[in-house]
């Protein structure tokens, strides 16, 4: 039964899957998460609703995977410049300013839905938050191995918090979208000093 289910789920080609994800993102920007329906996705993509449910199970997983698909390609494992600063800068430069502005607006629109919908929160944790946390930990592990970051530095657990905070606060405080220039400056002024601070006991 599992083999049959897997075979049925794999019928959508990568190209078709990308088209579906883009349509989901368009609908999210137009109507928001609460008003987005599987019927609307099916109509926009000329798909059957049964196919959508068979492939994704429901709206939360479909939306989470669509957002994940919209993020810059490639794993952080592929980024290894030889320094923590170089790795964090390379990560930031994977998205141009236009992509950052679009993603910022999208995530603002989804923030309340994630807060109010346990199934969406679970899907976001599985497909976005936990994979990115794991990748950041690998980047930091390499920095620790190189001696750039102390293994006991408490700031290491808050890198994602710092980056997400900067991304969100840029619009809230400055009324401007996040940009490469802003985030690179933030990394140099805030993130790296926190991570590479000397041991106060030394």
C-alpha atoms as a PDB file:
ATOM      1  CA  UNK A   1       0.000   0.000   0.000  1.00  0.00           C
ATOM      2  CA  UNK A   2       2.867   2.373   0.867  1.00  0.00           C
ATOM      3  CA  UNK A   3       4.592   1.700  -2.463  1.00  0.00           C
ATOM      4  CA  UNK A   4       1.393   2.441  -4.362  1.00  0.00           C
ATOM      5  CA  UNK A   5       0.846   5.659  -2.395  1.00  0.00           C
ATOM      6  CA  UNK A   6       4.423   6.791  -3.028  1.00  0.00           C
ATOM      7  CA  UNK A   7       4.085   6.101  -6.732  1.00  0.00           C
ATOM      8  CA  UNK A   8       0.868   8.089  -6.922  1.00  0.00           C
ATOM      9  CA  UNK A   9       2.427  11.013  -5.052  1.00  0.00           C
ATOM     10  CA  UNK A  10       5.390  11.155  -7.432  1.00  0.00           C
ATOM     11  CA  UNK A  11       3.405  11.732 -10.619  1.00  0.00           C
ATOM     12  CA  UNK A  12       3.822  15.525 -10.543  1.00  0.00           C
ATOM     13  CA  UNK A  13       6.980  16.615 -12.359  1.00  0.00           C
ATOM     14  CA  UNK A  14       9.370  19.107 -10.736  1.00  0.00           C
ATOM     15  CA  UNK A  15       8.360  21.697 -13.330  1.00  0.00           C
ATOM     16  CA  UNK A  16       4.674  21.211 -12.585  1.00  0.00           C
ATOM     17  CA  UNK A  17       5.345  21.285  -8.859  1.00  0.00           C
ATOM     18  CA  UNK A  18       7.138  24.636  -9.258  1.00  0.00           C
ATOM     19  CA  UNK A  19       4.152  26.013 -11.190  1.00  0.00           C
ATOM     20  CA  UNK A  20       1.797  24.936  -8.417  1.00  0.00           C
ATOM     21  CA  UNK A  21       3.950  26.504  -5.721  1.00  0.00           C
ATOM     22  CA  UNK A  22       4.142  29.792  -7.610  1.00  0.00           C
ATOM     23  CA  UNK A  23       0.357  29.829  -7.980  1.00  0.00           C
ATOM     24  CA  UNK A  24      -0.046  29.214  -4.237  1.00  0.00           C
ATOM     25  CA  UNK A  25       2.264  32.147  -3.462  1.00  0.00           C
ATOM     26  CA  UNK A  26       0.345  34.387  -5.851  1.00  0.00           C
ATOM     27  CA  UNK A  27      -2.923  33.497  -4.134  1.00  0.00           C
ATOM     28  CA  UNK A  28      -1.399  34.074  -0.708  1.00  0.00           C
ATOM     29  CA  UNK A  29      -0.343  37.563  -1.744  1.00  0.00           C
ATOM     30  CA  UNK A  30      -3.781  38.252  -3.206  1.00  0.00           C
ATOM     31  CA  UNK A  31      -6.113  36.927  -0.523  1.00  0.00           C
ATOM     32  CA  UNK A  32      -4.043  35.782   2.466  1.00  0.00           C
ATOM     33  CA  UNK A  33      -3.882  32.384   4.132  1.00  0.00           C
ATOM     34  CA  UNK A  34      -7.356  32.271   5.673  1.00  0.00           C
ATOM     35  CA  UNK A  35      -9.131  33.033   2.403  1.00  0.00           C
ATOM     36  CA  UNK A  36      -6.954  30.730   0.331  1.00  0.00           C
ATOM     37  CA  UNK A  37      -8.752  27.481  -0.492  1.00  0.00           C
ATOM     38  CA  UNK A  38      -7.751  24.261  -2.171  1.00  0.00           C
ATOM     39  CA  UNK A  39     -10.569  24.926  -4.632  1.00  0.00           C
ATOM     40  CA  UNK A  40      -8.941  28.222  -5.586  1.00  0.00           C
ATOM     41  CA  UNK A  41      -5.547  26.554  -6.013  1.00  0.00           C
ATOM     42  CA  UNK A  42      -7.101  23.839  -8.159  1.00  0.00           C
ATOM     43  CA  UNK A  43      -8.846  26.423 -10.348  1.00  0.00           C
ATOM     44  CA  UNK A  44      -5.757  28.631 -10.686  1.00  0.00           C
ATOM     45  CA  UNK A  45      -3.524  25.696 -11.613  1.00  0.00           C
ATOM     46  CA  UNK A  46      -6.100  23.687 -13.571  1.00  0.00           C
ATOM     47  CA  UNK A  47      -5.561  20.761 -11.216  1.00  0.00           C
ATOM     48  CA  UNK A  48      -8.013  18.467  -9.517  1.00  0.00           C
ATOM     49  CA  UNK A  49      -8.515  19.035  -5.810  1.00  0.00           C
ATOM     50  CA  UNK A  50      -8.035  15.294  -5.305  1.00  0.00           C
ATOM     51  CA  UNK A  51      -4.550  15.562  -6.813  1.00  0.00           C
ATOM     52  CA  UNK A  52      -3.652  18.400  -4.478  1.00  0.00           C
ATOM     53  CA  UNK A  53      -4.816  16.516  -1.401  1.00  0.00           C
ATOM     54  CA  UNK A  54      -3.104  13.314  -2.550  1.00  0.00           C
ATOM     55  CA  UNK A  55       0.184  15.135  -3.083  1.00  0.00           C
ATOM     56  CA  UNK A  56       0.191  17.483  -0.082  1.00  0.00           C
ATOM     57  CA  UNK A  57      -2.459  16.289   2.333  1.00  0.00           C
ATOM     58  CA  UNK A  58      -3.936  19.722   2.927  1.00  0.00           C
ATOM     59  CA  UNK A  59      -3.480  23.474   2.831  1.00  0.00           C
ATOM     60  CA  UNK A  60      -0.929  23.841   5.673  1.00  0.00           C
ATOM     61  CA  UNK A  61       1.638  21.503   4.101  1.00  0.00           C
ATOM     62  CA  UNK A  62       1.044  22.912   0.622  1.00  0.00           C
ATOM     63  CA  UNK A  63       1.602  26.483   1.824  1.00  0.00           C
ATOM     64  CA  UNK A  64       4.677  25.603   3.904  1.00  0.00           C
ATOM     65  CA  UNK A  65       6.279  23.753   0.994  1.00  0.00           C
ATOM     66  CA  UNK A  66       5.437  26.591  -1.395  1.00  0.00           C
ATOM     67  CA  UNK A  67       7.161  29.095   0.891  1.00  0.00           C
ATOM     68  CA  UNK A  68      10.135  26.760   1.261  1.00  0.00           C
ATOM     69  CA  UNK A  69      10.337  26.400  -2.520  1.00  0.00           C
ATOM     70  CA  UNK A  70      10.430  30.191  -2.911  1.00  0.00           C
ATOM     71  CA  UNK A  71      13.567  30.485  -0.800  1.00  0.00           C
ATOM     72  CA  UNK A  72      16.971  30.701  -2.522  1.00  0.00           C
ATOM     73  CA  UNK A  73      18.204  27.417  -3.906  1.00  0.00           C
ATOM     74  CA  UNK A  74      20.971  25.370  -2.433  1.00  0.00           C
ATOM     75  CA  UNK A  75      21.785  24.168   1.029  1.00  0.00           C
ATOM     76  CA  UNK A  76      23.965  26.021   3.511  1.00  0.00           C
ATOM     77  CA  UNK A  77      26.179  22.948   3.306  1.00  0.00           C
ATOM     78  CA  UNK A  78      27.220  24.196  -0.127  1.00  0.00           C
ATOM     79  CA  UNK A  79      28.404  27.481   1.436  1.00  0.00           C
ATOM     80  CA  UNK A  80      31.875  27.165   2.934  1.00  0.00           C
ATOM     81  CA  UNK A  81      33.961  30.277   2.336  1.00  0.00           C
ATOM     82  CA  UNK A  82      36.450  29.489   5.073  1.00  0.00           C
ATOM     83  CA  UNK A  83      35.130  32.090   7.521  1.00  0.00           C
ATOM     84  CA  UNK A  84      31.920  32.659   9.442  1.00  0.00           C
ATOM     85  CA  UNK A  85      31.610  36.196   8.072  1.00  0.00           C
ATOM     86  CA  UNK A  86      32.005  34.924   4.528  1.00  0.00           C
ATOM     87  CA  UNK A  87      29.422  32.183   5.073  1.00  0.00           C
ATOM     88  CA  UNK A  88      26.817  34.546   6.546  1.00  0.00           C
ATOM     89  CA  UNK A  89      27.415  37.113   3.812  1.00  0.00           C
ATOM     90  CA  UNK A  90      27.133  34.428   1.122  1.00  0.00           C
ATOM     91  CA  UNK A  91      23.860  33.253   2.666  1.00  0.00           C
ATOM     92  CA  UNK A  92      22.453  36.786   2.610  1.00  0.00           C
ATOM     93  CA  UNK A  93      23.522  37.415  -0.985  1.00  0.00           C
ATOM     94  CA  UNK A  94      21.512  34.425  -2.247  1.00  0.00           C
ATOM     95  CA  UNK A  95      18.441  36.720  -2.294  1.00  0.00           C
ATOM     96  CA  UNK A  96      18.365  40.036  -4.135  1.00  0.00           C
ATOM     97  CA  UNK A  97      16.548  43.075  -2.752  1.00  0.00           C
ATOM     98  CA  UNK A  98      13.405  42.401  -4.764  1.00  0.00           C
ATOM     99  CA  UNK A  99      13.147  38.834  -3.455  1.00  0.00           C
ATOM    100  CA  UNK A 100      13.711  40.031   0.108  1.00  0.00           C
ATOM    101  CA  UNK A 101      10.930  42.589  -0.175  1.00  0.00           C
ATOM    102  CA  UNK A 102       8.518  39.991  -1.560  1.00  0.00           C
ATOM    103  CA  UNK A 103       9.431  37.439   1.102  1.00  0.00           C
ATOM    104  CA  UNK A 104       9.143  40.029   3.871  1.00  0.00           C
ATOM    105  CA  UNK A 105       5.632  40.989   2.768  1.00  0.00           C
ATOM    106  CA  UNK A 106       4.652  37.333   2.435  1.00  0.00           C
ATOM    107  CA  UNK A 107       5.890  36.410   5.896  1.00  0.00           C
ATOM    108  CA  UNK A 108       4.147  39.407   7.480  1.00  0.00           C
ATOM    109  CA  UNK A 109       0.927  38.201   5.926  1.00  0.00           C
ATOM    110  CA  UNK A 110       1.464  34.669   7.199  1.00  0.00           C
ATOM    111  CA  UNK A 111       2.590  35.581  10.724  1.00  0.00           C
ATOM    112  CA  UNK A 112      -0.889  35.768  12.244  1.00  0.00           C
ATOM    113  CA  UNK A 113      -2.040  32.653  10.400  1.00  0.00           C
ATOM    114  CA  UNK A 114       0.920  30.687  11.764  1.00  0.00           C
ATOM    115  CA  UNK A 115       0.123  31.944  15.260  1.00  0.00           C
ATOM    116  CA  UNK A 116      -3.557  30.978  15.005  1.00  0.00           C
ATOM    117  CA  UNK A 117      -3.267  27.687  13.104  1.00  0.00           C
ATOM    118  CA  UNK A 118      -1.488  24.785  14.863  1.00  0.00           C
ATOM    119  CA  UNK A 119      -1.377  22.696  11.681  1.00  0.00           C
ATOM    120  CA  UNK A 120       0.290  25.516   9.740  1.00  0.00           C
ATOM    121  CA  UNK A 121       2.765  26.094  12.565  1.00  0.00           C
ATOM    122  CA  UNK A 122       3.614  22.398  12.583  1.00  0.00           C
ATOM    123  CA  UNK A 123       4.141  22.407   8.809  1.00  0.00           C
ATOM    124  CA  UNK A 124       6.324  25.526   9.002  1.00  0.00           C
ATOM    125  CA  UNK A 125       8.448  23.979  11.732  1.00  0.00           C
ATOM    126  CA  UNK A 126       8.893  20.783   9.744  1.00  0.00           C
ATOM    127  CA  UNK A 127       9.605  22.284   6.329  1.00  0.00           C
ATOM    128  CA  UNK A 128      11.172  25.678   7.115  1.00  0.00           C
ATOM    129  CA  UNK A 129      12.256  26.322  10.683  1.00  0.00           C
ATOM    130  CA  UNK A 130      13.860  23.019  11.669  1.00  0.00           C
ATOM    131  CA  UNK A 131      15.794  22.524   8.387  1.00  0.00           C
ATOM    132  CA  UNK A 132      17.175  26.068   8.559  1.00  0.00           C
ATOM    133  CA  UNK A 133      18.102  25.712  12.230  1.00  0.00           C
ATOM    134  CA  UNK A 134      19.981  22.519  11.410  1.00  0.00           C
ATOM    135  CA  UNK A 135      21.831  24.222   8.554  1.00  0.00           C
ATOM    136  CA  UNK A 136      22.783  27.215  10.712  1.00  0.00           C
ATOM    137  CA  UNK A 137      24.089  24.838  13.364  1.00  0.00           C
ATOM    138  CA  UNK A 138      26.324  23.172  10.772  1.00  0.00           C
ATOM    139  CA  UNK A 139      27.694  26.561   9.684  1.00  0.00           C
ATOM    140  CA  UNK A 140      28.374  27.468  13.321  1.00  0.00           C
ATOM    141  CA  UNK A 141      29.927  24.075  13.967  1.00  0.00           C
ATOM    142  CA  UNK A 142      32.458  24.737  11.228  1.00  0.00           C
ATOM    143  CA  UNK A 143      33.184  28.148  12.750  1.00  0.00           C
ATOM    144  CA  UNK A 144      33.732  26.506  16.143  1.00  0.00           C
ATOM    145  CA  UNK A 145      36.079  23.964  14.570  1.00  0.00           C
ATOM    146  CA  UNK A 146      38.045  26.847  12.988  1.00  0.00           C
ATOM    147  CA  UNK A 147      38.286  28.571  16.367  1.00  0.00           C
ATOM    148  CA  UNK A 148      36.188  31.589  15.344  1.00  0.00           C
ATOM    149  CA  UNK A 149      33.399  30.914  17.848  1.00  0.00           C
ATOM    150  CA  UNK A 150      33.671  29.524  21.372  1.00  0.00           C
ATOM    151  CA  UNK A 151      31.805  26.264  21.795  1.00  0.00           C
ATOM    152  CA  UNK A 152      30.161  27.645  24.966  1.00  0.00           C
ATOM    153  CA  UNK A 153      29.122  30.995  23.477  1.00  0.00           C
ATOM    154  CA  UNK A 154      25.436  31.414  24.448  1.00  0.00           C
ATOM    155  CA  UNK A 155      24.771  33.668  21.433  1.00  0.00           C
ATOM    156  CA  UNK A 156      25.163  30.663  19.120  1.00  0.00           C
ATOM    157  CA  UNK A 157      21.667  29.489  20.028  1.00  0.00           C
ATOM    158  CA  UNK A 158      20.147  32.797  18.945  1.00  0.00           C
ATOM    159  CA  UNK A 159      21.515  33.331  15.444  1.00  0.00           C
ATOM    160  CA  UNK A 160      18.163  32.586  13.804  1.00  0.00           C
ATOM    161  CA  UNK A 161      16.418  34.851  16.310  1.00  0.00           C
ATOM    162  CA  UNK A 162      18.813  37.673  15.481  1.00  0.00           C
ATOM    163  CA  UNK A 163      18.458  37.269  11.719  1.00  0.00           C
ATOM    164  CA  UNK A 164      14.670  36.929  11.751  1.00  0.00           C
ATOM    165  CA  UNK A 165      14.449  39.847  14.167  1.00  0.00           C
ATOM    166  CA  UNK A 166      16.443  42.088  11.856  1.00  0.00           C
ATOM    167  CA  UNK A 167      14.377  41.015   8.879  1.00  0.00           C
ATOM    168  CA  UNK A 168      11.117  41.865  10.645  1.00  0.00           C
ATOM    169  CA  UNK A 169      12.280  44.990  12.485  1.00  0.00           C
ATOM    170  CA  UNK A 170      13.517  46.653   9.311  1.00  0.00           C
ATOM    171  CA  UNK A 171       9.934  47.191   8.161  1.00  0.00           C
ATOM    172  CA  UNK A 172       8.468  47.805  11.613  1.00  0.00           C
ATOM    173  CA  UNK A 173      11.020  50.369  12.818  1.00  0.00           C
ATOM    174  CA  UNK A 174      12.408  51.872   9.620  1.00  0.00           C
ATOM    175  CA  UNK A 175       9.349  51.448   7.382  1.00  0.00           C
ATOM    176  CA  UNK A 176      11.635  50.040   4.698  1.00  0.00           C
ATOM    177  CA  UNK A 177      12.017  46.541   3.287  1.00  0.00           C
ATOM    178  CA  UNK A 178      15.108  44.538   4.244  1.00  0.00           C
ATOM    179  CA  UNK A 179      17.944  44.816   1.751  1.00  0.00           C
ATOM    180  CA  UNK A 180      21.271  43.111   1.195  1.00  0.00           C
ATOM    181  CA  UNK A 181      23.109  46.246   2.360  1.00  0.00           C
ATOM    182  CA  UNK A 182      21.098  46.449   5.577  1.00  0.00           C
ATOM    183  CA  UNK A 183      21.470  42.770   6.468  1.00  0.00           C
ATOM    184  CA  UNK A 184      25.192  42.665   5.658  1.00  0.00           C
ATOM    185  CA  UNK A 185      25.722  45.693   7.904  1.00  0.00           C
ATOM    186  CA  UNK A 186      23.613  44.059  10.622  1.00  0.00           C
ATOM    187  CA  UNK A 187      25.656  40.855  10.439  1.00  0.00           C
ATOM    188  CA  UNK A 188      28.917  42.806  10.822  1.00  0.00           C
ATOM    189  CA  UNK A 189      27.631  45.110  13.577  1.00  0.00           C
ATOM    190  CA  UNK A 190      25.510  42.720  15.648  1.00  0.00           C
ATOM    191  CA  UNK A 191      25.724  39.023  14.772  1.00  0.00           C
ATOM    192  CA  UNK A 192      29.482  38.582  14.382  1.00  0.00           C
ATOM    193  CA  UNK A 193      30.440  40.575  17.505  1.00  0.00           C
ATOM    194  CA  UNK A 194      27.980  38.484  19.518  1.00  0.00           C
ATOM    195  CA  UNK A 195      29.270  35.203  18.144  1.00  0.00           C
ATOM    196  CA  UNK A 196      32.966  36.006  18.127  1.00  0.00           C
ATOM    197  CA  UNK A 197      33.141  37.836  21.455  1.00  0.00           C
ATOM    198  CA  UNK A 198      36.063  36.803  23.654  1.00  0.00           C
ATOM    199  CA  UNK A 199      35.398  34.830  26.803  1.00  0.00           C
ATOM    200  CA  UNK A 200      34.742  37.431  29.536  1.00  0.00           C
ATOM    201  CA  UNK A 201      36.451  35.157  32.060  1.00  0.00           C
ATOM    202  CA  UNK A 202      39.692  35.102  30.081  1.00  0.00           C
END
